[in-house]
Amino acid sequence: MITIKDIAKLSDVSIGTVDRVIHKRGFVSSDTKKKVEWAIKELKYTPNIYARQLKLSKKYKLGVLMPELHQDAYYWQEAAIGICKAGKELEAHKIKIKFFHFDRYSEDSFYIKCSQVLKENLDGLLIAPILSNPSKELTCRIPEKIPYIFFDSDLPHTKRLTFIGQDPYKSGMLAGRLMKMLIDDNGDIAVIRVLPEDYHINLRTEGFQRYFADHTYMNNIQVYNWHENEDLSDINALIEEIVNINSNLQGIFVTNALTYLVASYIKSKNLEKKIKIIGYDLVKENVAYLKNSVIDILISQSPITQGYQGIQLLYRKLVLNHDIDDRIMMPIDIVMKENIEYFQIDIDK
C-alpha cells in the first residue's frame, strides 16, 4: 500500500509537507506543491476515505506528562504554550488534552502521576522523560496500543514513536566551541552540571568536554555538580568555591535554564575580570542577564515548538495514520545580546 512516506521520498520533501498538500492546510510553495502532486499521481496514491471518516468521527484523549510549569524558571510553561496551541487548533478534530504535572525533584511525585496516566484510558502520550530511570519503568507499563512521544529529552532503547528535541551532545560541543572563542588558551573553565542527573544533561556535559579533548588547548576544565532543589545559599557557596579555587577562571558553562543564578552571583561580586557565561534557554531571568551582558550566550531549544509538534504528531499518527520520523531535531539556536529580539516570546500571553 502506498503511504505518505513513499510520496515524501519520491518528491524529496518532508512528510509534513505532503500532509499539508493533501489536506490543503498551511503554506506550501507552488513548486513544492507541483512536485508532491506529481508524486501522488506517479504512485497512484488514493486515501482510504472510509477508514479516515471512521477515525475522524472518534474522540481522542491525549495525555501530557511533564514537570510542574514553574520549575526550571518556568521553562516548562513555554512547552505548555505550544501544547495548548496545538490542542486549540485540533479541537474541531475532537482532540482533548489532559496534563499530568509532576515535581521533577521527586520520584514519588512522578510515580503518582504515572499511576493516574495509566488509569485514564488515553489514546496517546507526550512525555518529558527527564527522570530517566522512572521514565524507563513507565514505558514498560504503557500498553502497546498507545503511542507515546518524548520531548525535551530522549531515552534510548524504548519503543517511543519519536523524539522531539535537541541533540544534547552536539549542543554541548557547540557550547565548548563558543566558549573557546571567548577565552584565552590557558583560561580555566567550570562546568556546572545541574542535578538531578538525567540523560540529556550528561550528554551536554560530555559534548562540552569532548570539544576541548579533541583539540590541543591548555584549558583546565572542572565539572561541579549542583542539585537543583538546593537553596540559593548552596549554589552561591558552590560558585564562590569555584571562583576561589580557579585562579584563572575565565568561563562558566551551565547545563540548564538556571544559568541566571550563576549570573546573579557573578554580577554581585563585581569581579575585576569578566567571566564568560554560557547556558541554556530563554527564560525571563536569563534574557535579562543576557541583555545586561552578564550572560554572554544562551542556547535555545525551542520548547514551544517541541510541545506544539508533539501534539500534532500524535494527531497525525492516531487520526491520519501517517508515518512519523524516528527523530524530530530542533535547531541549536545561538542567542546573544545582539539578536535576542528575534527570539523573544512573551510567555505571559
Protein backbone atom coordinates (compact mmCIF):
# COMPACT_ATOMS: atom_id res chain seq x y z
CA MET A 1 0.00 0.00 0.00
CA ILE A 2 1.33 3.44 -0.93
CA THR A 3 1.85 5.72 2.07
CA ILE A 4 2.57 9.39 2.60
CA LYS A 5 6.16 8.41 3.41
CA ASP A 6 6.52 6.98 -0.12
CA ILE A 7 5.22 10.24 -1.60
CA ALA A 8 7.63 12.27 0.53
CA LYS A 9 10.57 10.15 -0.56
CA LEU A 10 9.76 10.39 -4.26
CA SER A 11 9.11 14.14 -4.19
CA ASP A 12 12.12 14.76 -1.88
CA VAL A 13 10.15 16.71 0.74
CA SER A 14 9.16 16.10 4.36
CA ILE A 15 6.17 14.04 5.45
CA GLY A 16 4.68 17.19 6.97
CA THR A 17 4.82 18.96 3.60
CA VAL A 18 2.99 16.09 1.91
CA ASP A 19 0.38 16.22 4.66
CA ARG A 20 -0.18 19.95 4.05
CA VAL A 21 -0.61 19.42 0.31
CA ILE A 22 -3.04 16.51 0.69
CA HIS A 23 -5.16 18.23 3.32
CA LYS A 24 -4.78 21.72 1.85
CA ARG A 25 -3.65 23.42 5.03
CA GLY A 26 -0.68 25.65 5.76
CA PHE A 27 1.64 27.28 3.25
CA VAL A 28 3.43 25.26 0.57
CA SER A 29 5.25 26.92 -2.34
CA SER A 30 3.81 26.34 -5.80
CA ASP A 31 6.92 24.46 -6.98
CA THR A 32 6.86 22.13 -3.98
CA LYS A 33 3.13 21.57 -4.40
CA LYS A 34 3.66 20.57 -8.02
CA LYS A 35 6.36 18.05 -7.02
CA VAL A 36 4.11 16.46 -4.41
CA GLU A 37 1.12 16.33 -6.76
CA TRP A 38 3.32 14.73 -9.40
CA ALA A 39 4.48 12.08 -6.92
CA ILE A 40 0.89 11.38 -5.86
CA LYS A 41 -0.10 10.86 -9.47
CA GLU A 42 3.00 8.81 -10.26
CA LEU A 43 2.41 6.47 -7.33
CA LYS A 44 -1.35 6.38 -7.91
CA TYR A 45 -1.97 7.22 -4.27
CA THR A 46 -5.59 7.16 -3.07
CA PRO A 47 -6.53 7.76 0.59
CA ASN A 48 -8.73 5.25 2.37
CA ILE A 49 -11.73 7.56 2.76
CA TYR A 50 -13.87 5.11 4.72
CA ALA A 51 -11.21 4.39 7.32
CA ARG A 52 -10.40 8.09 7.60
CA GLN A 53 -14.02 9.03 8.23
CA LEU A 54 -14.27 6.45 10.99
CA LYS A 55 -11.16 7.88 12.64
CA LEU A 56 -12.30 11.46 12.22
CA SER A 57 -15.58 10.70 13.99
CA LYS A 58 -13.84 9.33 17.09
CA LYS A 59 -12.86 11.40 20.13
CA TYR A 60 -9.22 11.22 21.18
CA LYS A 61 -7.75 11.93 24.60
CA LEU A 62 -4.05 12.76 24.69
CA GLY A 63 -2.09 12.86 27.93
CA VAL A 64 0.90 15.10 28.65
CA LEU A 65 3.29 14.00 31.41
CA MET A 66 5.68 16.83 32.23
CA PRO A 67 7.15 18.79 35.18
CA GLU A 68 5.26 21.47 37.04
CA LEU A 69 5.21 24.61 34.93
CA HIS A 70 7.06 26.86 37.39
CA GLN A 71 10.08 24.59 37.63
CA ASP A 72 13.34 25.37 35.79
CA ALA A 73 12.47 29.08 35.88
CA TYR A 74 9.16 28.47 34.05
CA TYR A 75 10.89 26.73 31.16
CA TRP A 76 8.09 24.15 31.10
CA GLN A 77 5.47 26.85 30.79
CA GLU A 78 6.83 27.58 27.32
CA ALA A 79 6.41 23.95 26.27
CA ALA A 80 2.85 24.05 27.63
CA ILE A 81 2.10 27.08 25.45
CA GLY A 82 2.95 25.07 22.35
CA ILE A 83 0.91 22.10 23.57
CA CYS A 84 -2.14 24.25 24.23
CA LYS A 85 -1.78 25.97 20.86
CA ALA A 86 -1.84 22.62 19.06
CA GLY A 87 -4.77 21.48 21.19
CA LYS A 88 -6.73 24.60 20.28
CA GLU A 89 -6.10 24.04 16.58
CA LEU A 90 -7.23 20.41 16.84
CA GLU A 91 -10.39 20.97 18.88
CA ALA A 92 -12.50 20.61 15.75
CA HIS A 93 -10.95 17.16 15.23
CA LYS A 94 -12.19 16.05 18.65
CA ILE A 95 -8.76 16.07 20.28
CA LYS A 96 -8.73 16.60 24.04
CA ILE A 97 -5.56 17.16 26.06
CA LYS A 98 -5.07 16.39 29.73
CA PHE A 99 -1.95 17.47 31.66
CA PHE A 100 -0.27 15.43 34.38
CA HIS A 101 2.32 17.58 36.16
CA PHE A 102 4.93 16.03 38.44
CA ASP A 103 7.57 17.50 40.74
CA ARG A 104 10.80 16.95 38.82
CA TYR A 105 12.73 16.64 42.10
CA SER A 106 10.53 13.86 43.43
CA GLU A 107 10.39 10.33 42.04
CA ASP A 108 7.40 9.68 44.30
CA SER A 109 5.53 12.51 42.59
CA PHE A 110 6.42 11.05 39.20
CA TYR A 111 5.17 7.57 40.14
CA ILE A 112 1.89 9.01 41.46
CA LYS A 113 1.27 10.80 38.17
CA CYS A 114 2.22 7.67 36.22
CA SER A 115 -0.47 5.72 38.05
CA GLN A 116 -3.01 8.39 37.13
CA VAL A 117 -1.86 8.34 33.49
CA LEU A 118 -2.25 4.58 33.21
CA LYS A 119 -5.81 4.72 34.59
CA GLU A 120 -7.00 7.39 32.16
CA ASN A 121 -7.68 5.27 29.07
CA LEU A 122 -5.62 7.62 26.91
CA ASP A 123 -5.13 7.30 23.16
CA GLY A 124 -1.63 8.81 23.11
CA LEU A 125 1.03 10.28 25.38
CA LEU A 126 3.52 13.14 25.20
CA ILE A 127 6.23 12.67 27.84
CA ALA A 128 9.17 14.71 29.11
CA PRO A 129 11.34 11.82 30.42
CA ILE A 130 13.75 13.93 32.46
CA LEU A 131 13.73 11.44 35.34
CA SER A 132 15.47 8.73 33.34
CA ASN A 133 15.03 5.54 35.36
CA PRO A 134 11.41 6.14 36.45
CA SER A 135 10.56 7.08 32.85
CA LYS A 136 12.03 3.81 31.59
CA GLU A 137 9.88 1.95 34.11
CA LEU A 138 6.82 3.81 32.83
CA THR A 139 7.48 2.83 29.21
CA CYS A 140 7.38 -0.83 30.21
CA ARG A 141 3.85 -0.31 31.57
CA ILE A 142 2.36 1.67 28.69
CA PRO A 143 0.04 -0.60 26.65
CA GLU A 144 1.34 -1.45 23.17
CA LYS A 145 -1.67 0.21 21.51
CA ILE A 146 -0.85 3.63 22.98
CA PRO A 147 1.78 5.57 21.03
CA TYR A 148 4.00 7.83 23.09
CA ILE A 149 6.37 10.61 22.13
CA PHE A 150 9.31 12.01 24.08
CA PHE A 151 10.13 15.70 24.07
CA ASP A 152 12.98 17.74 25.58
CA SER A 153 14.95 14.61 26.47
CA ASP A 154 15.28 11.23 24.80
CA LEU A 155 15.71 7.74 26.24
CA PRO A 156 17.44 5.08 24.15
CA HIS A 157 16.13 1.55 23.85
CA THR A 158 12.47 2.41 24.32
CA LYS A 159 9.53 1.96 21.97
CA ARG A 160 8.71 5.64 21.68
CA LEU A 161 7.10 6.80 18.46
CA THR A 162 9.57 9.64 18.06
CA PHE A 163 11.70 12.11 19.97
CA ILE A 164 11.33 15.87 19.55
CA GLY A 165 14.20 17.96 20.83
CA GLN A 166 17.79 19.00 20.51
CA ASP A 167 20.88 16.86 20.12
CA PRO A 168 22.34 17.40 23.61
CA TYR A 169 25.80 16.08 22.79
CA LYS A 170 26.21 18.36 19.79
CA SER A 171 24.80 21.34 21.68
CA GLY A 172 27.41 20.68 24.37
CA MET A 173 30.15 20.53 21.75
CA LEU A 174 28.88 23.78 20.25
CA ALA A 175 28.92 25.40 23.70
CA GLY A 176 32.55 24.26 24.02
CA ARG A 177 33.50 25.83 20.72
CA LEU A 178 31.73 29.07 21.61
CA MET A 179 33.48 29.18 24.99
CA LYS A 180 36.84 28.69 23.33
CA MET A 181 36.13 31.72 21.14
CA LEU A 182 35.53 33.84 24.25
CA ILE A 183 38.50 32.94 26.48
CA ASP A 184 42.29 32.59 26.41
CA ASP A 185 44.11 29.37 25.56
CA ASN A 186 45.06 28.83 29.21
CA GLY A 187 41.87 30.05 30.88
CA ASP A 188 40.16 27.87 33.50
CA ILE A 189 36.58 26.72 32.80
CA ALA A 190 33.94 25.49 35.24
CA VAL A 191 31.07 23.28 34.09
CA ILE A 192 28.09 23.31 36.45
CA ARG A 193 26.21 20.08 35.87
CA VAL A 194 22.75 20.57 37.30
CA LEU A 195 21.18 17.59 39.06
CA PRO A 196 19.02 15.53 39.39
CA GLU A 197 21.10 13.75 36.80
CA ASP A 198 19.44 12.85 33.53
CA TYR A 199 20.34 11.63 30.09
CA HIS A 200 20.50 14.92 28.19
CA ILE A 201 22.28 16.91 30.93
CA ASN A 202 25.03 14.29 30.98
CA LEU A 203 25.36 14.40 27.20
CA ARG A 204 25.64 18.20 27.21
CA THR A 205 28.47 17.91 29.72
CA GLU A 206 30.20 15.17 27.73
CA GLY A 207 29.89 17.11 24.49
CA PHE A 208 31.42 20.22 26.06
CA GLN A 209 34.35 18.24 27.42
CA ARG A 210 34.81 16.38 24.14
CA TYR A 211 35.27 19.60 22.17
CA PHE A 212 38.29 20.52 24.28
CA ALA A 213 39.60 16.94 24.34
CA ASP A 214 39.57 16.84 20.53
CA HIS A 215 41.85 19.89 20.36
CA THR A 216 45.23 20.70 21.84
CA TYR A 217 44.05 23.50 24.10
CA MET A 218 45.62 24.02 27.52
CA ASN A 219 42.39 24.99 29.25
CA ASN A 220 41.69 23.40 32.64
CA ILE A 221 38.08 22.17 32.77
CA GLN A 222 36.47 21.12 36.05
CA VAL A 223 32.93 19.72 36.38
CA TYR A 224 30.95 20.64 39.51
CA ASN A 225 27.61 19.08 40.47
CA TRP A 226 24.79 21.15 41.93
CA HIS A 227 21.45 19.66 42.95
CA GLU A 228 18.76 21.95 41.60
CA ASN A 229 16.42 21.71 44.59
CA GLU A 230 19.07 23.02 46.98
CA ASP A 231 18.55 26.56 48.24
CA LEU A 232 20.34 29.61 46.87
CA SER A 233 22.95 29.61 49.62
CA ASP A 234 24.22 26.28 48.26
CA ILE A 235 24.62 27.45 44.68
CA ASN A 236 26.23 30.68 45.88
CA ALA A 237 28.65 28.70 48.03
CA LEU A 238 29.49 26.49 45.07
CA ILE A 239 30.20 29.44 42.78
CA GLU A 240 32.31 31.11 45.46
CA GLU A 241 34.31 27.88 45.78
CA ILE A 242 34.75 27.75 42.01
CA VAL A 243 35.97 31.35 41.88
CA ASN A 244 38.40 30.83 44.79
CA ILE A 245 39.86 27.52 43.59
CA ASN A 246 40.34 28.50 39.94
CA SER A 247 42.79 31.40 39.97
CA ASN A 248 42.46 31.94 36.23
CA LEU A 249 38.71 31.31 35.91
CA GLN A 250 37.53 32.75 32.60
CA GLY A 251 34.38 30.80 31.72
CA ILE A 252 31.39 29.03 33.28
CA PHE A 253 29.11 26.64 31.36
CA VAL A 254 25.73 25.90 32.98
CA THR A 255 23.88 22.85 31.68
CA ASN A 256 20.27 24.03 32.04
CA ALA A 257 17.93 27.01 32.38
CA LEU A 258 19.19 28.09 35.80
CA THR A 259 22.09 29.99 34.24
CA TYR A 260 20.74 33.22 35.76
CA LEU A 261 21.58 32.02 39.29
CA VAL A 262 25.25 31.92 38.35
CA ALA A 263 24.95 35.26 36.56
CA SER A 264 23.32 36.85 39.60
CA TYR A 265 26.15 35.81 41.91
CA ILE A 266 28.91 36.80 39.48
CA LYS A 267 27.34 40.23 38.97
CA SER A 268 27.02 40.82 42.72
CA LYS A 269 30.75 40.25 43.26
CA ASN A 270 31.96 42.94 40.81
CA LEU A 271 34.94 40.81 39.86
CA GLU A 272 37.92 42.55 38.33
CA LYS A 273 37.93 40.29 35.27
CA LYS A 274 34.80 39.43 33.29
CA ILE A 275 33.86 35.75 33.48
CA LYS A 276 32.19 34.47 30.32
CA ILE A 277 28.93 32.60 30.95
CA ILE A 278 27.17 30.24 28.55
CA GLY A 279 23.93 28.45 29.39
CA TYR A 280 20.54 27.34 28.13
CA ASP A 281 17.04 28.63 27.47
CA LEU A 282 15.30 31.95 27.02
CA VAL A 283 13.55 32.15 30.37
CA LYS A 284 12.96 35.71 31.52
CA GLU A 285 15.74 35.86 34.10
CA ASN A 286 18.30 34.55 31.61
CA VAL A 287 17.18 37.04 28.97
CA ALA A 288 17.56 39.92 31.44
CA TYR A 289 21.17 38.98 32.25
CA LEU A 290 21.91 38.42 28.56
CA LYS A 291 20.71 41.93 27.74
CA ASN A 292 22.91 43.28 30.54
CA SER A 293 25.95 41.41 29.17
CA VAL A 294 26.38 39.28 32.31
CA ILE A 295 25.43 36.14 30.38
CA ASP A 296 27.28 36.01 27.07
CA ILE A 297 25.46 33.28 25.13
CA LEU A 298 22.28 31.26 25.57
CA ILE A 299 21.44 28.13 23.61
CA SER A 300 17.73 27.92 22.83
CA GLN A 301 15.98 24.62 22.16
CA SER A 302 12.55 25.87 21.03
CA PRO A 303 10.34 24.41 23.80
CA ILE A 304 7.17 25.96 22.35
CA THR A 305 7.81 24.24 19.03
CA GLN A 306 8.58 20.96 20.79
CA GLY A 307 5.27 20.98 22.64
CA TYR A 308 3.32 22.02 19.56
CA GLN A 309 4.83 19.37 17.32
CA GLY A 310 4.38 16.65 19.92
CA ILE A 311 0.59 17.02 19.89
CA GLN A 312 0.44 17.48 16.13
CA LEU A 313 2.43 14.31 15.53
CA LEU A 314 0.24 12.26 17.85
CA TYR A 315 -2.77 13.53 15.90
CA ARG A 316 -1.19 12.59 12.58
CA LYS A 317 -0.37 9.11 13.82
CA LEU A 318 -3.65 8.36 15.56
CA VAL A 319 -6.12 10.03 13.22
CA LEU A 320 -4.39 10.22 9.84
CA ASN A 321 -2.25 7.09 10.25
CA HIS A 322 0.83 8.90 8.95
CA ASP A 323 4.33 7.53 9.25
CA ILE A 324 6.40 9.56 11.73
CA ASP A 325 10.16 10.11 11.54
CA ASP A 326 12.15 8.50 14.35
CA ARG A 327 13.64 11.82 15.49
CA ILE A 328 12.47 15.41 15.04
CA MET A 329 15.51 17.53 15.78
CA MET A 330 15.27 21.12 16.95
CA PRO A 331 17.85 23.66 15.75
CA ILE A 332 20.64 24.58 18.15
CA ASP A 333 19.98 28.32 18.26
CA ILE A 334 22.81 30.59 19.41
CA VAL A 335 21.30 33.63 21.11
CA MET A 336 23.29 36.72 22.08
CA LYS A 337 22.51 40.24 23.20
CA GLU A 338 22.64 41.42 19.59
CA ASN A 339 19.98 39.02 18.26
CA ILE A 340 17.78 38.30 21.29
CA GLU A 341 14.93 40.45 19.93
CA TYR A 342 14.42 37.93 17.11
CA PHE A 343 13.91 35.05 19.55
CA GLN A 344 11.97 36.56 22.43
CA ILE A 345 8.49 35.26 23.19
CA ASP A 346 6.21 36.78 25.81
CA ILE A 347 5.22 33.74 27.88
CA ASP A 348 2.61 35.79 29.73
CA LYS A 349 0.40 35.87 26.63
